[in-house]
Each structure stands twice: as structure tokens, then as C-alpha cells.
Amino acid sequence: MPIKFTEDQWKVFELLLSRQEVLSIREIVAQTGVDQALAASTLNHARDQGWLTIEEKEREELVLAEDALEQVDKGLPERQALALISKDGKSKIKIRDLVGDLKSKGVQLNEVIKWGKIRGWLDKEKDEIAVLKDGQEALENPADDEKAIRLAVEINPRTRTIFLDELASHSIDGNNVKQLLKNRPTLAKIKPRMFRFVELTPLGRETLKKDNIHIIREKTQLTSEDIVSGDWQNIQLRRYDVTLEAERVYPAKIHPLRKIIQEARKAFLEMGFTEVVSPLVESAFWDFDALFQPQDHPARDMQDTYYMSRPNQAHLPAEEIVERVKLTHENGWETGSKGWGYKWSADRARQVVLRTHTTATSIRALAENPNPPRKVFCVGTVFRNEAISYKHLPEFFQVDGIIIDEGANLATLLGTLKEFYYKMGFKKVKFKPDFFPYTEPSIEVSGFMESRNRWIELGGSGVFRPEVTEPFGCKVPVLAWGLGLERLAMLRYGITDIRELYWSDLDETKEIALCL
């Protein structure tokens, strides 16, 4: 009795019969043009009949960052340091002598030490960095990961990818490449890919001979013409199996960080807050002085600030406001405080900075209208000269807010923040005492990050000190907070590295679930 197949089903078997080698399902779909779901169901049925075998195999793919080749061409930090140290035939150098050269090239010392040690090229000996034997050899020879990156671009210039098991044929150690790049996402990622390989059995080759096959047409419904003409005998009605794997559809979606920003804005608006804005480039007066941060105290340096060289001077607000802030710093003015006890400088207050926190926006709003009751918030970008890591960036988003109210207290603050995080979908939030120069008491907000099984800092909060509020004519309690939004996104989406939010990985962006 002949075996009935549709035209598309027979295309799959015809291809397998014409080949002696093993084929992947991806290759079968590409070469036959058959729908992937149909091909998969056809092959699964044939496997159940014993006509073929399907073997699953995982392969690891090296997926380059967009600028990976440019980084290698320029020289990775450890290779640049290796060249600098060995420039005059030296084998070691004082760290202080190396730092200046590295800085001029935009290279961070901690990156040099980290990757130099991992590669076995460099070692830190007290205040020196020494070149090891492997480092000497590396001066003349590219490393396996550098060769793999160049090869991926050469072979697949469009996708900039290569499978690790393909590297051996090019005299590159795939395992070594994996070890060097698995924790270096700014260069490349190692992604597992599952492949299913199909091979006909002897029974399959015997059963699927052309003489045993009857090709039928497949339709979704019969027409009157099919019945009258008798064609219905050669037509098979298509079965619909809702359990079959279908092609994934990726509709347009908002970037996950943008979604968090929108939700934060919506949460505060629903809580009765008014949104305010202020410039990214700010005067030191509003960023520091107005918040009672002294000009000659380490608190000023805690922010690791970016100071502008052009323009380098800003206009100060009204003279009476400046005078009150000045006196508050010097002797406490009328706040009951002793101040910081130093000579306040208007020139330092005129310095121009990239704002280090959106609290500068909050204090501007307070100065504009100090009368209670009032609730305002701001969402914006802030800048800090921090070393980039899995939880730190030099530029990030912050949501800041204040409540001006005669009855405001610490319980009001904690309740407000709990309500905000509840609206954002977070349950594991805790508060602990902290220190900030412009709030007393001060509270640190932390959230539990499931993906790293640890608590991470989300932001700071507290009650503005009288030295902050009274120079602007406010005599009632003012509650304030500044919360990082990237870290909220990490908690929401299970992201382990804050940098992933800014990588141009379209696959991950497409697949991330926003309805959480």
C-alpha cells in the first residue's frame, strides 16, 4: 500500500534520500523552502516510524560585539600596556610611570592588571608591573581570542559570528578562546545553540523508495469543483496541531529601560506628584552648595564629578539666596547650625559640572516654591566618574523627588518609597541607616537581586537638613530621595550586568519579556 505524502512533506524526504551525509533541520528548511513547523512535524513522525534518527547537539557560538575588531586593531588594554612596558626592552615598570601613558590612551589600570594576570602576561609586584614569560612571547604573536575575532569577521562579515568547534581547523584553541572571552562581554559573548541533525535509517531508505510513495495535494478546505471533478480523492485536508512549535513573532516593543522610566514616571504621577526638569549641565552651586556640601570637604569628592572646561563658569541665582547659602556654610546662618566653619567661595560655586544627581532638580524646585504642601519628582540622566562594572556606569538614569509638608516625617518617607516600589512590582525592598551630607536622618534603599542572590543598593533618601531648606525660605520638613533606574531594570528582568541595558544586542532585546 503506497504511503501518502503532501508535496512539501515529500520535498523533505527527497532531499534526505539524495544525500549521504547528516543534515540539520535548519539546512533542510533552507534547501527545501518548507515551513519549519511542517518540516519538524514531518521529521518527528518519520522518527516515530523508525525511518530516521534525530540527534540533538549543542554548539557554542562566538558572537562579537559591534566594535570587537576595532578594539583588537587598536590593542586590548593588556596588550597596549605590554607594548608600553616593553618599549625600551624593559621587563617591568613603576605603576605611577605607567598610569600617565595609559590615561592618554584611555586605558584603565585595573583592566590592564585584571586581564594581564588572566592571560599570564603581566603580574603586579608591590608598586610595579612586570612582564612574564608568556607576555614576552605575546609581543610577537596574537592570542587565540584575537585570532578568533579576526577570523569571525573574515568568514562571516555580516553576522560577525563563528562556532568554537570550527576554530580547530584554523589552528586556534576553542577552549582557550572560551576561557578568555566568557567574562568579557564588551568584546564577545559565547552563546549556546541547539542543532538537530537528521539521518535516514536503512529502513527509511527502503521504505521511502519512489515506488512506495503517493503524492497528494493538501488544502485547508474542499471546493465544489474538487468534488465534481473527483480531485477530492487526491486531496488531503490539512490538520491543525496547536501543540506544534511555531515560528516566534517579535512585535515592536519599548526598550526595557525606557519602559522602567515610563513606569516610574506613571507611578509618581498616580501618587499625586508633579514632574519637574532641570539642565544636564549644572552649576556647582545647585549641585553641591545648595545641598550644604562643603567646598573644602571630602564630601565634595564623593560624587567623582565631571567638571566642564567650556563653559567653566555659571551664573549664580539671586544675591540674597547666594548670601544665605554662603552664611549657612560659614557659620550656620539662622538655621541653628554652626555651619562648616570655612571661607565660602563664589568662584567655586560658579564651576560648571555635569549634574551628579537629580537632587539638583529637586532643590531648584524647592527654591522656586518652598510653600507646603507640595510633591515633585524628576526623571533624568546623571553623570559620575565611576569605574565601569556590572553594577556601575558613568552615566545612568535617576528618579528624584521631594515632599514638602508640615506633617511629613520619616514614616511618610518610608511609606512613600514602599508604595512606589510596590507600583513597580517589587516586594523585597529594605531600608537601613546611612549618611548623606544633606539629609538627616538618611536612609539607604536596597532591593534583592534574585539572579545574583544578593541585595544591591537602589538609592538614597532622607529628610533634608535645615541647612538645606531654610536658606530658601522653607521652614517645614522636606523628604527627599534619589533612586537609580538601571538597577530597577536589573531586578525586574533578571539582568546580572548593568551594561547589558546599553549593549546593541537585538536578539536579547527582542526576546526579553516586558510583561512581568
Protein backbone atom coordinates (compact mmCIF):
# COMPACT_ATOMS: atom_id res chain seq x y z
CA MET A 1 0.00 0.00 0.00
CA PRO A 2 1.54 3.35 -1.05
CA ILE A 3 2.48 5.90 1.59
CA LYS A 4 0.75 9.24 1.17
CA PHE A 5 2.71 12.48 1.47
CA THR A 6 1.94 16.06 0.62
CA GLU A 7 4.22 17.80 -1.86
CA ASP A 8 6.06 19.67 0.90
CA GLN A 9 6.49 16.54 3.01
CA TRP A 10 7.96 14.69 0.04
CA LYS A 11 10.43 17.54 -0.58
CA VAL A 12 11.89 16.84 2.87
CA PHE A 13 12.32 13.11 2.25
CA GLU A 14 13.52 13.60 -1.30
CA LEU A 15 16.35 15.81 -0.04
CA LEU A 16 17.35 13.26 2.61
CA LEU A 17 17.32 10.42 0.05
CA SER A 18 19.60 12.41 -2.26
CA ARG A 19 22.25 12.91 0.43
CA GLN A 20 24.50 10.51 2.25
CA GLU A 21 25.62 12.99 4.91
CA VAL A 22 23.79 14.08 8.04
CA LEU A 23 21.72 17.27 7.65
CA SER A 24 20.48 19.70 10.28
CA ILE A 25 16.83 20.72 10.34
CA ARG A 26 17.93 24.29 9.59
CA GLU A 27 19.67 23.07 6.42
CA ILE A 28 16.61 21.04 5.39
CA VAL A 29 14.31 24.05 5.79
CA ALA A 30 16.75 26.33 3.94
CA GLN A 31 17.22 23.95 1.00
CA THR A 32 13.58 22.86 0.56
CA GLY A 33 11.80 26.12 1.38
CA VAL A 34 9.35 24.12 3.51
CA ASP A 35 7.78 25.76 6.57
CA GLN A 36 9.86 24.99 9.67
CA ALA A 37 6.90 23.75 11.72
CA LEU A 38 5.81 21.40 8.91
CA ALA A 39 9.35 20.09 8.45
CA ALA A 40 9.69 19.46 12.19
CA SER A 41 6.36 17.60 12.44
CA THR A 42 7.15 15.53 9.33
CA LEU A 43 10.56 14.52 10.68
CA ASN A 44 9.20 13.73 14.14
CA HIS A 45 6.56 11.43 12.60
CA ALA A 46 9.22 9.72 10.46
CA ARG A 47 11.40 9.20 13.53
CA ASP A 48 8.47 7.54 15.32
CA GLN A 49 8.17 5.16 12.33
CA GLY A 50 11.86 4.29 12.57
CA TRP A 51 12.66 5.84 9.17
CA LEU A 52 15.25 8.26 10.53
CA THR A 53 17.12 9.36 13.62
CA ILE A 54 17.27 12.86 15.09
CA GLU A 55 20.29 13.73 17.20
CA GLU A 56 20.43 16.92 19.26
CA LYS A 57 23.79 18.61 19.58
CA GLU A 58 24.67 21.86 21.32
CA ARG A 59 27.28 24.08 19.71
CA GLU A 60 28.80 27.20 21.21
CA GLU A 61 28.83 30.27 19.02
CA LEU A 62 31.16 33.23 19.39
CA VAL A 63 29.10 36.40 18.83
CA LEU A 64 31.25 39.52 18.52
CA ALA A 65 30.44 42.91 19.96
CA GLU A 66 29.88 45.56 17.31
CA ASP A 67 33.33 47.10 17.81
CA ALA A 68 35.26 43.93 18.72
CA LEU A 69 37.54 44.07 15.68
CA GLU A 70 38.21 47.77 16.25
CA GLN A 71 39.21 47.02 19.86
CA VAL A 72 41.62 44.31 18.72
CA ASP A 73 43.09 46.52 15.98
CA LYS A 74 43.59 49.34 18.48
CA GLY A 75 45.05 46.94 21.01
CA LEU A 76 43.32 45.48 24.06
CA PRO A 77 44.25 47.23 27.35
CA GLU A 78 46.66 44.48 28.42
CA ARG A 79 48.36 44.42 25.01
CA GLN A 80 48.78 48.19 24.98
CA ALA A 81 50.31 48.02 28.46
CA LEU A 82 52.57 45.16 27.36
CA ALA A 83 53.86 47.28 24.48
CA LEU A 84 54.39 50.32 26.72
CA ILE A 85 56.33 48.37 29.35
CA SER A 86 58.50 46.55 26.79
CA LYS A 87 59.07 49.63 24.61
CA ASP A 88 62.72 50.05 25.59
CA GLY A 89 63.45 46.41 26.28
CA LYS A 90 62.30 46.71 29.89
CA SER A 91 60.59 43.89 31.76
CA LYS A 92 58.94 45.95 34.50
CA ILE A 93 57.77 49.48 35.21
CA LYS A 94 56.61 51.57 38.15
CA ILE A 95 52.83 51.79 38.24
CA ARG A 96 52.95 55.57 38.64
CA ASP A 97 55.02 55.83 35.45
CA LEU A 98 52.62 53.60 33.52
CA VAL A 99 49.39 55.30 34.62
CA GLY A 100 50.03 58.51 32.68
CA ASP A 101 50.66 56.69 29.39
CA LEU A 102 47.60 54.50 29.92
CA LYS A 103 45.41 57.51 30.68
CA SER A 104 46.46 59.24 27.45
CA LYS A 105 45.27 56.15 25.57
CA GLY A 106 42.01 55.95 27.51
CA VAL A 107 43.04 52.69 29.20
CA GLN A 108 42.18 51.88 32.83
CA LEU A 109 44.88 50.37 35.04
CA ASN A 110 42.50 47.92 36.72
CA GLU A 111 41.61 46.44 33.30
CA VAL A 112 45.30 46.03 32.47
CA ILE A 113 46.04 44.23 35.74
CA LYS A 114 42.93 42.04 35.56
CA TRP A 115 43.36 40.78 32.01
CA GLY A 116 47.15 40.79 32.11
CA LYS A 117 47.01 38.36 35.05
CA ILE A 118 44.32 36.18 33.44
CA ARG A 119 46.44 35.80 30.31
CA GLY A 120 49.62 35.23 32.30
CA TRP A 121 51.28 38.18 30.58
CA LEU A 122 51.67 40.59 33.48
CA ASP A 123 51.99 40.49 37.24
CA LYS A 124 51.72 43.18 39.90
CA GLU A 125 54.65 43.30 42.30
CA LYS A 126 54.08 45.91 45.01
CA ASP A 127 54.32 49.23 43.13
CA GLU A 128 55.49 47.70 39.84
CA ILE A 129 54.05 45.74 36.94
CA ALA A 130 56.29 43.04 35.48
CA VAL A 131 56.16 41.30 32.10
CA LEU A 132 56.09 37.49 32.43
CA LYS A 133 57.49 34.90 30.00
CA ASP A 134 54.14 34.43 28.23
CA GLY A 135 53.93 38.20 27.90
CA GLN A 136 57.28 38.32 26.11
CA GLU A 137 56.05 35.69 23.65
CA ALA A 138 52.75 37.53 23.17
CA LEU A 139 54.61 40.60 21.88
CA GLU A 140 55.21 38.80 18.60
CA ASN A 141 52.17 36.52 18.47
CA PRO A 142 48.44 37.31 18.58
CA ALA A 143 46.45 35.46 21.25
CA ASP A 144 43.83 32.84 20.37
CA ASP A 145 40.91 35.15 21.15
CA GLU A 146 42.38 37.93 19.00
CA LYS A 147 42.82 35.47 16.11
CA ALA A 148 39.27 34.15 16.59
CA ILE A 149 37.80 37.66 16.44
CA ARG A 150 39.62 38.44 13.19
CA LEU A 151 38.58 35.06 11.74
CA ALA A 152 34.90 35.58 12.61
CA VAL A 153 34.87 38.91 10.76
CA GLU A 154 36.76 37.43 7.81
CA ILE A 155 34.49 34.38 7.40
CA ASN A 156 31.16 35.94 8.39
CA PRO A 157 31.48 39.72 7.90
CA ARG A 158 27.71 40.23 8.10
CA THR A 159 26.90 38.26 11.27
CA ARG A 160 30.41 38.51 12.82
CA THR A 161 29.99 35.06 14.39
CA ILE A 162 31.82 31.73 14.37
CA PHE A 163 31.29 28.41 16.15
CA LEU A 164 34.01 27.45 18.60
CA ASP A 165 34.28 23.94 17.15
CA GLU A 166 35.26 25.47 13.80
CA LEU A 167 38.35 27.14 15.24
CA ALA A 168 40.48 23.99 15.49
CA SER A 169 40.71 23.76 11.68
CA HIS A 170 42.37 27.19 11.79
CA SER A 171 44.88 26.18 14.50
CA ILE A 172 43.01 28.10 17.20
CA ASP A 173 42.23 26.54 20.59
CA GLY A 174 38.46 26.95 21.02
CA ASN A 175 38.57 26.13 24.75
CA ASN A 176 41.19 28.81 25.31
CA VAL A 177 39.08 31.33 23.38
CA LYS A 178 36.10 30.45 25.57
CA GLN A 179 38.06 30.94 28.78
CA LEU A 180 39.43 34.30 27.63
CA LEU A 181 36.13 35.71 26.37
CA LYS A 182 33.42 34.16 28.55
CA ASN A 183 33.61 37.07 31.04
CA ARG A 184 34.44 39.80 28.53
CA PRO A 185 31.06 40.81 27.06
CA THR A 186 32.39 44.11 25.73
CA LEU A 187 34.34 42.02 23.21
CA ALA A 188 32.11 39.00 22.58
CA LYS A 189 29.60 36.59 24.04
CA ILE A 190 29.58 32.80 23.97
CA LYS A 191 26.05 31.65 23.14
CA PRO A 192 24.84 28.03 23.16
CA ARG A 193 22.97 27.00 20.02
CA MET A 194 20.97 23.76 19.80
CA PHE A 195 21.06 21.91 16.48
CA ARG A 196 19.02 18.84 15.49
CA PHE A 197 20.69 16.56 12.95
CA VAL A 198 18.72 14.11 10.79
CA GLU A 199 19.91 10.86 9.19
CA LEU A 200 17.86 8.24 7.34
CA THR A 201 17.99 4.68 8.66
CA PRO A 202 18.29 1.67 6.31
CA LEU A 203 14.58 1.04 6.96
CA GLY A 204 13.83 4.62 5.93
CA ARG A 205 15.79 4.38 2.68
CA GLU A 206 13.97 1.15 1.82
CA THR A 207 10.50 2.38 2.80
CA LEU A 208 10.77 5.76 1.09
CA LYS A 209 11.52 4.44 -2.37
CA LYS A 210 9.72 6.39 -5.09
CA ASP A 211 7.56 3.37 -5.99
CA ASN A 212 6.06 3.33 -2.47
CA ILE A 213 5.08 7.00 -2.45
CA HIS A 214 1.80 8.63 -3.46
CA ILE A 215 1.91 12.44 -3.60
CA ILE A 216 -1.29 14.18 -2.63
CA ARG A 217 -2.28 17.80 -2.58
CA GLU A 218 -3.04 19.41 0.76
CA LYS A 219 -5.76 22.03 1.21
CA THR A 220 -7.49 23.71 4.09
CA GLN A 221 -10.98 23.13 2.59
CA LEU A 222 -12.68 21.39 -0.32
CA THR A 223 -14.45 23.31 -3.06
CA SER A 224 -17.43 22.21 -5.15
CA GLU A 225 -15.09 21.91 -8.15
CA ASP A 226 -12.91 19.42 -6.22
CA ILE A 227 -15.95 17.23 -5.53
CA VAL A 228 -17.47 17.39 -9.04
CA SER A 229 -14.13 16.70 -10.77
CA GLY A 230 -13.18 13.87 -8.44
CA ASP A 231 -9.95 15.63 -7.37
CA TRP A 232 -11.05 15.24 -3.79
CA GLN A 233 -9.60 11.72 -3.92
CA ASN A 234 -6.09 13.20 -4.29
CA ILE A 235 -6.56 15.96 -1.73
CA GLN A 236 -5.76 15.75 1.95
CA LEU A 237 -7.32 18.25 4.32
CA ARG A 238 -4.66 19.93 6.36
CA ARG A 239 -4.67 19.05 10.04
CA TYR A 240 -4.10 21.81 12.56
CA ASP A 241 -1.98 20.82 15.54
CA VAL A 242 -1.91 23.67 18.03
CA THR A 243 0.83 21.92 20.03
CA LEU A 244 3.40 22.23 17.23
CA GLU A 245 6.24 24.67 17.72
CA ALA A 246 5.55 27.77 15.66
CA GLU A 247 7.85 30.49 14.50
CA ARG A 248 8.34 33.13 17.17
CA VAL A 249 6.86 36.52 16.43
CA TYR A 250 8.65 39.54 17.85
CA PRO A 251 6.37 42.58 17.74
CA ALA A 252 7.69 46.09 18.20
CA LYS A 253 8.35 46.85 21.85
CA ILE A 254 9.73 49.57 24.08
CA HIS A 255 13.32 49.14 25.26
CA PRO A 256 13.24 47.63 28.79
CA LEU A 257 14.99 50.62 30.36
CA ARG A 258 12.65 53.05 28.64
CA LYS A 259 9.72 51.01 29.95
CA ILE A 260 11.05 51.25 33.52
CA ILE A 261 11.41 55.03 33.11
CA GLN A 262 7.83 55.33 31.84
CA GLU A 263 6.52 53.19 34.71
CA ALA A 264 8.44 55.23 37.30
CA ARG A 265 7.00 58.43 35.89
CA LYS A 266 3.50 56.94 35.87
CA ALA A 267 3.85 55.69 39.46
CA PHE A 268 4.70 59.11 40.87
CA LEU A 269 2.04 60.87 38.79
CA GLU A 270 -0.55 58.41 40.16
CA MET A 271 0.66 59.27 43.68
CA GLY A 272 -0.12 62.94 43.09
CA PHE A 273 3.37 64.24 42.27
CA THR A 274 4.20 66.97 39.74
CA GLU A 275 7.08 66.40 37.33
CA VAL A 276 9.88 69.00 37.08
CA VAL A 277 13.01 69.23 34.93
CA SER A 278 16.42 70.91 35.06
CA PRO A 279 19.53 71.10 32.81
CA LEU A 280 22.07 68.26 32.50
CA VAL A 281 24.87 70.82 32.74
CA GLU A 282 24.57 72.39 36.16
CA SER A 283 26.38 74.91 38.34
CA ALA A 284 28.26 73.62 41.36
CA PHE A 285 26.01 75.92 43.39
CA TRP A 286 22.86 73.89 42.69
CA ASP A 287 24.63 70.53 42.54
CA PHE A 288 26.61 70.94 45.78
CA ASP A 289 26.43 74.24 47.65
CA ALA A 290 22.65 74.50 47.83
CA LEU A 291 22.67 70.99 49.33
CA PHE A 292 25.09 72.01 52.09
CA GLN A 293 28.01 70.08 50.65
CA PRO A 294 31.18 71.94 51.74
CA GLN A 295 33.66 73.20 49.20
CA ASP A 296 36.70 72.08 51.20
CA HIS A 297 35.47 68.72 52.48
CA PRO A 298 35.81 65.16 51.10
CA ALA A 299 32.02 65.06 50.73
CA ARG A 300 32.58 67.18 47.63
CA ASP A 301 34.73 64.45 46.09
CA MET A 302 32.41 61.58 46.92
CA GLN A 303 30.48 62.21 43.72
CA ASP A 304 33.54 61.80 41.43
CA THR A 305 32.35 64.74 39.40
CA TYR A 306 32.86 65.68 35.75
CA TYR A 307 33.82 69.38 35.69
CA MET A 308 33.29 71.28 32.43
CA SER A 309 36.21 73.14 30.85
CA ARG A 310 33.97 75.08 28.46
CA PRO A 311 31.90 76.78 29.74
CA ASN A 312 33.66 76.76 33.08
CA GLN A 313 31.63 79.49 34.82
CA ALA A 314 27.87 79.63 35.51
CA HIS A 315 25.56 82.40 36.69
CA LEU A 316 24.52 82.28 40.34
CA PRO A 317 20.90 82.85 41.46
CA ALA A 318 19.62 85.95 43.24
CA GLU A 319 22.16 87.64 45.50
CA GLU A 320 20.09 87.20 48.68
CA ILE A 321 19.85 83.42 48.11
CA VAL A 322 23.59 83.17 47.49
CA GLU A 323 24.29 85.19 50.65
CA ARG A 324 22.11 82.88 52.80
CA VAL A 325 23.79 79.76 51.41
CA LYS A 326 27.21 81.33 51.94
CA LEU A 327 26.49 82.21 55.59
CA THR A 328 24.97 78.77 56.21
CA HIS A 329 28.22 77.18 55.05
CA GLU A 330 30.39 79.57 57.05
CA ASN A 331 28.54 79.85 60.38
CA GLY A 332 25.11 78.21 60.06
CA TRP A 333 23.27 81.50 59.41
CA GLU A 334 19.85 81.33 61.18
CA THR A 335 19.46 77.53 60.99
CA GLY A 336 20.76 76.75 64.48
CA SER A 337 23.77 75.02 62.95
CA LYS A 338 27.42 76.03 63.27
CA GLY A 339 27.95 75.51 59.55
CA TRP A 340 31.18 74.10 58.20
CA GLY A 341 33.37 76.92 59.50
CA TYR A 342 35.32 77.85 56.38
CA LYS A 343 35.52 80.76 53.91
CA TRP A 344 32.92 80.07 51.22
CA SER A 345 33.99 80.88 47.61
CA ALA A 346 31.56 82.18 44.99
CA ASP A 347 34.05 81.22 42.27
CA ARG A 348 33.87 77.55 43.26
CA ALA A 349 30.09 77.76 43.30
CA ARG A 350 30.19 79.07 39.71
CA GLN A 351 32.03 75.99 38.45
CA VAL A 352 30.13 74.05 35.80
CA VAL A 353 29.55 70.31 36.18
CA LEU A 354 27.60 67.51 34.58
CA ARG A 355 24.95 67.05 37.24
CA THR A 356 25.85 64.24 39.63
CA HIS A 357 22.28 63.67 40.86
CA THR A 358 18.77 64.80 40.04
CA THR A 359 18.59 66.19 43.58
CA ALA A 360 19.87 69.36 41.90
CA THR A 361 16.48 69.46 40.17
CA SER A 362 14.66 68.96 43.47
CA ILE A 363 16.49 71.79 45.23
CA ARG A 364 15.79 74.11 42.28
CA ALA A 365 12.08 73.24 42.60
CA LEU A 366 12.23 73.91 46.35
CA ALA A 367 13.88 77.29 45.80
CA GLU A 368 11.26 78.22 43.20
CA ASN A 369 8.32 77.42 45.51
CA PRO A 370 9.06 76.43 49.14
CA ASN A 371 5.42 76.62 50.28
CA PRO A 372 3.73 73.41 51.53
CA PRO A 373 2.04 71.16 50.67
CA ARG A 374 3.98 70.18 47.54
CA LYS A 375 5.18 66.94 45.93
CA VAL A 376 7.50 66.97 42.90
CA PHE A 377 9.69 64.43 41.12
CA CYS A 378 12.24 64.36 38.30
CA VAL A 379 13.49 61.58 35.99
CA GLY A 380 16.76 62.26 34.20
CA THR A 381 20.35 61.38 33.37
CA VAL A 382 23.16 61.91 35.87
CA PHE A 383 26.94 61.56 35.47
CA ARG A 384 29.64 60.23 37.79
CA ASN A 385 33.25 59.42 37.04
CA GLU A 386 32.98 55.80 38.19
CA ALA A 387 34.84 52.71 37.03
CA ILE A 388 32.54 50.68 34.80
CA SER A 389 31.48 47.35 36.33
CA TYR A 390 28.48 45.01 36.40
CA LYS A 391 26.70 47.42 38.76
CA HIS A 392 28.25 50.85 37.97
CA LEU A 393 28.13 53.16 34.94
CA PRO A 394 29.44 56.72 34.46
CA GLU A 395 26.06 57.77 33.04
CA PHE A 396 22.73 56.48 34.29
CA PHE A 397 19.11 57.41 34.98
CA GLN A 398 17.82 58.52 38.35
CA VAL A 399 14.38 59.36 39.69
CA ASP A 400 14.43 62.04 42.36
CA GLY A 401 11.64 63.53 44.42
CA ILE A 402 10.72 65.68 47.40
CA ILE A 403 7.68 66.11 49.63
CA ILE A 404 7.21 69.50 51.32
CA ASP A 405 4.63 69.13 54.09
CA GLU A 406 4.14 70.32 57.67
CA GLY A 407 3.29 66.79 58.84
CA ALA A 408 5.99 64.97 56.87
CA ASN A 409 8.26 62.59 58.80
CA LEU A 410 10.42 59.50 58.34
CA ALA A 411 7.39 57.19 58.34
CA THR A 412 5.92 59.24 55.49
CA LEU A 413 9.16 58.81 53.54
CA LEU A 414 9.36 55.04 54.01
CA GLY A 415 5.68 54.63 53.19
CA THR A 416 6.05 56.68 50.00
CA LEU A 417 9.04 54.66 48.81
CA LYS A 418 7.34 51.34 49.65
CA GLU A 419 4.30 52.42 47.67
CA PHE A 420 6.49 53.41 44.72
CA TYR A 421 8.31 50.08 44.66
CA TYR A 422 5.01 48.22 45.08
CA LYS A 423 3.68 50.00 42.00
CA MET A 424 6.87 49.00 40.17
CA GLY A 425 6.25 45.36 41.11
CA PHE A 426 8.97 44.90 43.75
CA LYS A 427 8.28 43.23 47.08
CA LYS A 428 11.78 42.59 48.51
CA VAL A 429 12.90 46.09 49.50
CA LYS A 430 14.64 47.07 52.71
CA PHE A 431 15.88 50.27 54.34
CA LYS A 432 18.90 50.88 56.55
CA PRO A 433 20.52 53.98 58.10
CA ASP A 434 23.18 55.73 56.02
CA PHE A 435 24.97 59.07 55.72
CA PHE A 436 24.45 61.80 53.15
CA PRO A 437 25.75 65.37 53.66
CA TYR A 438 22.38 66.99 53.04
CA THR A 439 19.87 64.71 54.84
CA GLU A 440 19.42 63.75 58.48
CA PRO A 441 18.25 61.11 59.15
CA SER A 442 19.47 59.37 55.96
CA ILE A 443 18.23 56.04 54.61
CA GLU A 444 19.73 53.67 52.01
CA VAL A 445 17.24 51.73 49.87
CA SER A 446 18.21 48.21 48.75
CA GLY A 447 16.48 45.60 46.61
CA PHE A 448 17.05 41.85 46.45
CA MET A 449 18.55 40.69 43.13
CA GLU A 450 17.48 37.08 42.56
CA SER A 451 19.94 36.48 39.69
CA ARG A 452 22.93 37.22 41.96
CA ASN A 453 21.27 36.16 45.23
CA ARG A 454 22.25 39.38 46.97
CA TRP A 455 20.93 42.78 47.99
CA ILE A 456 22.02 45.71 45.82
CA GLU A 457 21.79 49.42 46.58
CA LEU A 458 19.00 51.18 44.69
CA GLY A 459 19.37 54.71 46.00
CA GLY A 460 19.45 57.08 48.94
CA SER A 461 16.80 59.04 50.81
CA GLY A 462 16.25 61.09 53.94
CA VAL A 463 14.91 64.31 55.44
CA PHE A 464 16.59 67.49 54.19
CA ARG A 465 18.63 69.21 56.89
CA PRO A 466 17.52 72.73 57.91
CA GLU A 467 20.79 74.00 56.40
CA VAL A 468 19.40 72.91 53.02
CA THR A 469 15.82 74.12 53.26
CA GLU A 470 15.83 77.27 55.39
CA PRO A 471 18.09 79.40 53.12
CA PHE A 472 15.31 79.05 50.52
CA GLY A 473 12.56 80.12 52.90
CA CYS A 474 11.22 76.66 53.76
CA LYS A 475 10.50 76.09 57.47
CA VAL A 476 8.71 72.71 57.23
CA PRO A 477 10.09 69.16 56.82
CA VAL A 478 11.19 68.17 53.31
CA LEU A 479 11.53 64.48 52.44
CA ALA A 480 13.92 63.63 49.58
CA TRP A 481 15.20 60.62 47.63
CA GLY A 482 17.24 59.70 44.58
CA LEU A 483 16.84 56.20 43.12
CA GLY A 484 18.74 54.50 40.28
CA LEU A 485 16.52 53.18 37.48
CA GLU A 486 19.04 50.87 35.77
CA ARG A 487 19.22 48.78 38.91
CA LEU A 488 15.44 48.57 38.98
CA ALA A 489 15.60 47.23 35.42
CA MET A 490 18.20 44.66 36.50
CA LEU A 491 15.92 43.43 39.27
CA ARG A 492 12.85 43.37 37.02
CA TYR A 493 14.39 41.49 34.10
CA GLY A 494 16.94 39.32 35.92
CA ILE A 495 19.88 41.08 34.27
CA THR A 496 23.20 40.38 36.01
CA ASP A 497 25.28 43.10 34.34
CA ILE A 498 24.08 46.71 34.18
CA ARG A 499 26.00 47.18 30.91
CA GLU A 500 23.63 44.77 29.14
CA LEU A 501 20.99 47.53 29.16
CA TYR A 502 23.14 49.54 26.72
CA TRP A 503 24.56 46.78 24.50
CA SER A 504 23.19 46.67 20.96
CA ASP A 505 22.09 43.04 21.26
CA LEU A 506 18.90 42.96 19.20
CA ASP A 507 18.32 39.25 19.87
CA GLU A 508 18.20 39.77 23.63
CA THR A 509 16.09 42.90 23.27
CA LYS A 510 13.60 41.02 21.07
CA GLU A 511 13.34 38.06 23.43
CA ILE A 512 13.15 39.89 26.76
CA ALA A 513 9.68 39.64 28.33
CA LEU A 514 8.29 43.08 29.13
CA CYS A 515 5.01 41.90 30.67
CA LEU A 516 6.40 41.00 34.08
